């Protein structure tokens, strides 16, 4: 995951794993949250990516702000990754 370094795992559930991360080469204080959702096929990947892109466009005080959305592949697994405040 180029651009981010994992600090620690926050939790794991049926939809994926959440990590506390820091942006690489950044001197900002605080952490961001990385949610990684593993997709079994391209249809799941497309649906997860579409959902993340819709959520990243929302701006409301009671909705977590999405900072970045990207695809990560490792060991033959496709993961949709979202970076949140």
N, C-alpha and C. Protein backbone atom coordinates (compact mmCIF):
# COMPACT_ATOMS: atom_id res chain seq x y z
N UNK A 1 0.82 -1.17 0.00
CA UNK A 1 0.00 0.00 0.00
C UNK A 1 0.87 1.24 0.00
N UNK A 2 1.24 1.58 -1.18
CA UNK A 2 2.13 2.70 -1.37
C UNK A 2 1.51 3.99 -0.83
N UNK A 3 2.27 4.69 -0.06
CA UNK A 3 1.81 5.97 0.47
C UNK A 3 1.31 5.93 1.90
N UNK A 4 1.13 4.74 2.46
CA UNK A 4 0.63 4.61 3.83
C UNK A 4 1.44 3.56 4.59
N UNK A 5 1.66 3.79 5.88
CA UNK A 5 2.31 2.78 6.71
C UNK A 5 1.36 2.37 7.82
N UNK A 6 1.21 1.05 7.99
CA UNK A 6 0.30 0.51 9.00
C UNK A 6 0.95 0.63 10.38
N UNK A 7 0.20 1.18 11.33
CA UNK A 7 0.68 1.32 12.70
C UNK A 7 0.22 0.13 13.54
N UNK A 8 -1.09 -0.21 13.45
CA UNK A 8 -1.59 -1.38 14.17
C UNK A 8 -2.96 -1.77 13.63
N UNK A 9 -3.34 -3.02 13.86
CA UNK A 9 -4.66 -3.51 13.48
C UNK A 9 -5.66 -3.06 14.53
N UNK A 10 -6.78 -2.50 14.07
CA UNK A 10 -7.82 -2.04 14.98
C UNK A 10 -8.92 -3.09 15.19
N UNK A 11 -9.20 -3.85 14.14
CA UNK A 11 -10.25 -4.85 14.24
C UNK A 11 -10.39 -5.63 12.96
N UNK A 12 -11.12 -6.75 13.06
CA UNK A 12 -11.34 -7.61 11.91
C UNK A 12 -12.75 -8.18 12.02
N UNK A 13 -13.45 -8.19 10.89
CA UNK A 13 -14.82 -8.70 10.89
C UNK A 13 -15.15 -9.36 9.57
N UNK A 14 -16.41 -9.64 9.38
CA UNK A 14 -16.86 -10.33 8.18
C UNK A 14 -16.66 -9.54 6.90
N UNK A 15 -16.59 -8.22 7.00
CA UNK A 15 -16.43 -7.38 5.82
C UNK A 15 -14.98 -7.01 5.53
N UNK A 16 -14.08 -7.24 6.46
CA UNK A 16 -12.68 -6.88 6.21
C UNK A 16 -11.94 -6.58 7.49
N UNK A 17 -10.82 -5.88 7.33
CA UNK A 17 -9.93 -5.56 8.44
C UNK A 17 -9.69 -4.06 8.46
N UNK A 18 -9.61 -3.48 9.67
CA UNK A 18 -9.35 -2.05 9.83
C UNK A 18 -8.01 -1.86 10.53
N UNK A 19 -7.24 -0.89 10.04
CA UNK A 19 -5.92 -0.58 10.59
C UNK A 19 -5.80 0.90 10.87
N UNK A 20 -5.01 1.26 11.88
CA UNK A 20 -4.58 2.64 12.07
C UNK A 20 -3.37 2.81 11.17
N UNK A 21 -3.35 3.87 10.38
CA UNK A 21 -2.24 4.11 9.45
C UNK A 21 -1.79 5.56 9.54
N UNK A 22 -0.61 5.78 9.01
CA UNK A 22 -0.08 7.13 8.84
C UNK A 22 0.29 7.28 7.38
N UNK A 23 0.12 8.47 6.89
CA UNK A 23 0.53 8.76 5.52
C UNK A 23 2.05 8.80 5.48
N UNK A 24 2.64 8.04 4.57
CA UNK A 24 4.09 8.01 4.44
C UNK A 24 4.61 9.38 4.04
N UNK A 25 5.76 9.72 4.54
CA UNK A 25 6.43 10.98 4.22
C UNK A 25 5.59 12.19 4.63
N UNK A 26 4.79 12.04 5.69
CA UNK A 26 3.98 13.14 6.18
C UNK A 26 4.36 13.41 7.63
N UNK A 27 4.35 14.66 8.00
CA UNK A 27 4.69 15.03 9.37
C UNK A 27 3.45 15.43 10.17
N UNK A 28 2.27 15.07 9.65
CA UNK A 28 1.03 15.38 10.35
C UNK A 28 0.88 14.51 11.59
N UNK A 29 0.36 15.12 12.64
CA UNK A 29 0.07 14.36 13.86
C UNK A 29 -1.24 13.60 13.66
N UNK A 30 -1.40 12.51 14.38
CA UNK A 30 -2.64 11.75 14.31
C UNK A 30 -2.60 10.63 13.30
N UNK A 31 -3.70 9.89 13.27
CA UNK A 31 -3.78 8.70 12.44
C UNK A 31 -4.97 8.80 11.49
N UNK A 32 -4.93 7.98 10.48
CA UNK A 32 -6.07 7.74 9.60
C UNK A 32 -6.46 6.29 9.78
N UNK A 33 -7.60 5.89 9.25
CA UNK A 33 -8.04 4.50 9.33
C UNK A 33 -8.08 3.93 7.92
N UNK A 34 -7.50 2.74 7.78
CA UNK A 34 -7.53 2.00 6.52
C UNK A 34 -8.46 0.82 6.69
N UNK A 35 -9.48 0.73 5.83
CA UNK A 35 -10.37 -0.43 5.83
C UNK A 35 -10.08 -1.21 4.56
N UNK A 36 -9.75 -2.49 4.72
CA UNK A 36 -9.44 -3.35 3.58
C UNK A 36 -10.53 -4.41 3.47
N UNK A 37 -11.21 -4.44 2.32
CA UNK A 37 -12.26 -5.41 2.06
C UNK A 37 -11.78 -6.35 0.96
N UNK A 38 -11.66 -7.64 1.27
CA UNK A 38 -11.23 -8.63 0.29
C UNK A 38 -12.42 -9.02 -0.58
N UNK A 39 -12.20 -9.02 -1.89
CA UNK A 39 -13.25 -9.34 -2.85
C UNK A 39 -12.94 -10.67 -3.52
N UNK A 40 -13.94 -11.56 -3.56
CA UNK A 40 -13.76 -12.88 -4.14
C UNK A 40 -13.80 -12.89 -5.66
N UNK A 41 -14.42 -11.87 -6.24
CA UNK A 41 -14.51 -11.82 -7.70
C UNK A 41 -14.62 -10.37 -8.15
N UNK A 42 -14.58 -10.17 -9.45
CA UNK A 42 -14.57 -8.82 -10.01
C UNK A 42 -15.88 -8.08 -9.73
N UNK A 43 -17.01 -8.81 -9.68
CA UNK A 43 -18.29 -8.17 -9.39
C UNK A 43 -18.30 -7.58 -7.98
N UNK A 44 -17.79 -8.34 -7.01
CA UNK A 44 -17.70 -7.83 -5.64
C UNK A 44 -16.77 -6.62 -5.58
N UNK A 45 -15.67 -6.70 -6.31
CA UNK A 45 -14.73 -5.58 -6.35
C UNK A 45 -15.35 -4.33 -6.92
N UNK A 46 -16.08 -4.49 -8.01
CA UNK A 46 -16.75 -3.33 -8.62
C UNK A 46 -17.79 -2.73 -7.69
N UNK A 47 -18.56 -3.58 -7.01
CA UNK A 47 -19.59 -3.10 -6.08
C UNK A 47 -18.95 -2.36 -4.90
N UNK A 48 -17.87 -2.92 -4.34
CA UNK A 48 -17.20 -2.28 -3.20
C UNK A 48 -16.57 -0.95 -3.62
N UNK A 49 -15.99 -0.91 -4.82
CA UNK A 49 -15.38 0.33 -5.32
C UNK A 49 -16.45 1.40 -5.56
N UNK A 50 -17.57 1.00 -6.12
CA UNK A 50 -18.67 1.94 -6.37
C UNK A 50 -19.18 2.53 -5.06
N UNK A 51 -19.39 1.65 -4.06
CA UNK A 51 -19.85 2.11 -2.75
C UNK A 51 -18.86 3.09 -2.13
N UNK A 52 -17.58 2.77 -2.17
CA UNK A 52 -16.55 3.63 -1.58
C UNK A 52 -16.50 4.98 -2.28
N UNK A 53 -16.64 4.99 -3.60
CA UNK A 53 -16.61 6.26 -4.34
C UNK A 53 -17.82 7.12 -4.01
N UNK A 54 -18.98 6.50 -3.85
CA UNK A 54 -20.18 7.25 -3.46
C UNK A 54 -19.99 7.85 -2.07
N UNK A 55 -19.51 7.04 -1.12
CA UNK A 55 -19.30 7.52 0.24
C UNK A 55 -18.24 8.62 0.31
N UNK A 56 -17.24 8.55 -0.56
CA UNK A 56 -16.19 9.58 -0.54
C UNK A 56 -16.72 10.93 -1.00
N UNK A 57 -17.84 10.94 -1.71
CA UNK A 57 -18.42 12.19 -2.16
C UNK A 57 -19.34 12.86 -1.15
N UNK A 58 -19.63 12.18 -0.05
CA UNK A 58 -20.53 12.74 0.96
C UNK A 58 -19.78 13.66 1.91
N UNK A 59 -20.46 14.71 2.34
CA UNK A 59 -19.85 15.64 3.28
C UNK A 59 -20.90 16.04 4.31
N UNK A 60 -20.84 15.39 5.46
CA UNK A 60 -21.79 15.65 6.55
C UNK A 60 -21.09 15.41 7.87
N UNK A 61 -21.43 16.18 8.86
CA UNK A 61 -20.78 16.11 10.16
C UNK A 61 -20.90 14.73 10.81
N UNK A 62 -21.95 13.97 10.51
CA UNK A 62 -22.17 12.66 11.12
C UNK A 62 -21.73 11.49 10.24
N UNK A 63 -21.04 11.78 9.15
CA UNK A 63 -20.54 10.73 8.25
C UNK A 63 -19.02 10.81 8.21
N UNK A 64 -18.38 9.67 8.41
CA UNK A 64 -16.91 9.62 8.37
C UNK A 64 -16.44 10.07 6.99
N UNK A 65 -15.44 10.92 6.96
CA UNK A 65 -14.93 11.46 5.70
C UNK A 65 -13.91 10.49 5.08
N UNK A 66 -14.15 10.10 3.85
CA UNK A 66 -13.23 9.24 3.11
C UNK A 66 -12.18 10.11 2.44
N UNK A 67 -10.92 9.75 2.59
CA UNK A 67 -9.81 10.52 2.04
C UNK A 67 -9.28 9.93 0.74
N UNK A 68 -9.31 8.60 0.62
CA UNK A 68 -8.71 7.93 -0.54
C UNK A 68 -9.38 6.57 -0.72
N UNK A 69 -9.45 6.12 -1.96
CA UNK A 69 -9.97 4.79 -2.30
C UNK A 69 -9.05 4.21 -3.36
N UNK A 70 -8.60 2.96 -3.15
CA UNK A 70 -7.73 2.33 -4.14
C UNK A 70 -7.83 0.82 -4.06
N UNK A 71 -7.33 0.16 -5.10
CA UNK A 71 -7.31 -1.30 -5.16
C UNK A 71 -5.91 -1.78 -4.80
N UNK A 72 -5.86 -2.80 -3.96
CA UNK A 72 -4.58 -3.41 -3.55
C UNK A 72 -4.66 -4.89 -3.87
N UNK A 73 -3.66 -5.41 -4.56
CA UNK A 73 -3.60 -6.84 -4.86
C UNK A 73 -2.37 -7.44 -4.20
N UNK A 74 -2.58 -8.55 -3.53
CA UNK A 74 -1.47 -9.24 -2.86
C UNK A 74 -1.79 -10.72 -2.78
N UNK A 75 -0.86 -11.54 -3.20
CA UNK A 75 -1.01 -13.00 -3.14
C UNK A 75 -2.29 -13.48 -3.83
N UNK A 76 -2.63 -12.85 -4.95
CA UNK A 76 -3.79 -13.24 -5.72
C UNK A 76 -5.12 -12.74 -5.19
N UNK A 77 -5.09 -11.94 -4.11
CA UNK A 77 -6.32 -11.40 -3.54
C UNK A 77 -6.49 -9.93 -3.96
N UNK A 78 -7.70 -9.58 -4.35
CA UNK A 78 -8.02 -8.19 -4.65
C UNK A 78 -8.70 -7.58 -3.44
N UNK A 79 -8.18 -6.43 -2.99
CA UNK A 79 -8.76 -5.76 -1.84
C UNK A 79 -9.08 -4.31 -2.21
N UNK A 80 -10.27 -3.89 -1.83
CA UNK A 80 -10.65 -2.50 -1.97
C UNK A 80 -10.28 -1.81 -0.66
N UNK A 81 -9.47 -0.77 -0.75
CA UNK A 81 -8.97 -0.09 0.43
C UNK A 81 -9.54 1.32 0.49
N UNK A 82 -10.04 1.69 1.65
CA UNK A 82 -10.52 3.04 1.86
C UNK A 82 -9.76 3.65 3.03
N UNK A 83 -9.35 4.89 2.85
CA UNK A 83 -8.68 5.65 3.91
C UNK A 83 -9.67 6.66 4.44
N UNK A 84 -9.88 6.64 5.76
CA UNK A 84 -10.87 7.51 6.39
C UNK A 84 -10.23 8.30 7.53
N UNK A 85 -10.88 9.42 7.87
CA UNK A 85 -10.41 10.21 9.01
C UNK A 85 -10.69 9.46 10.30
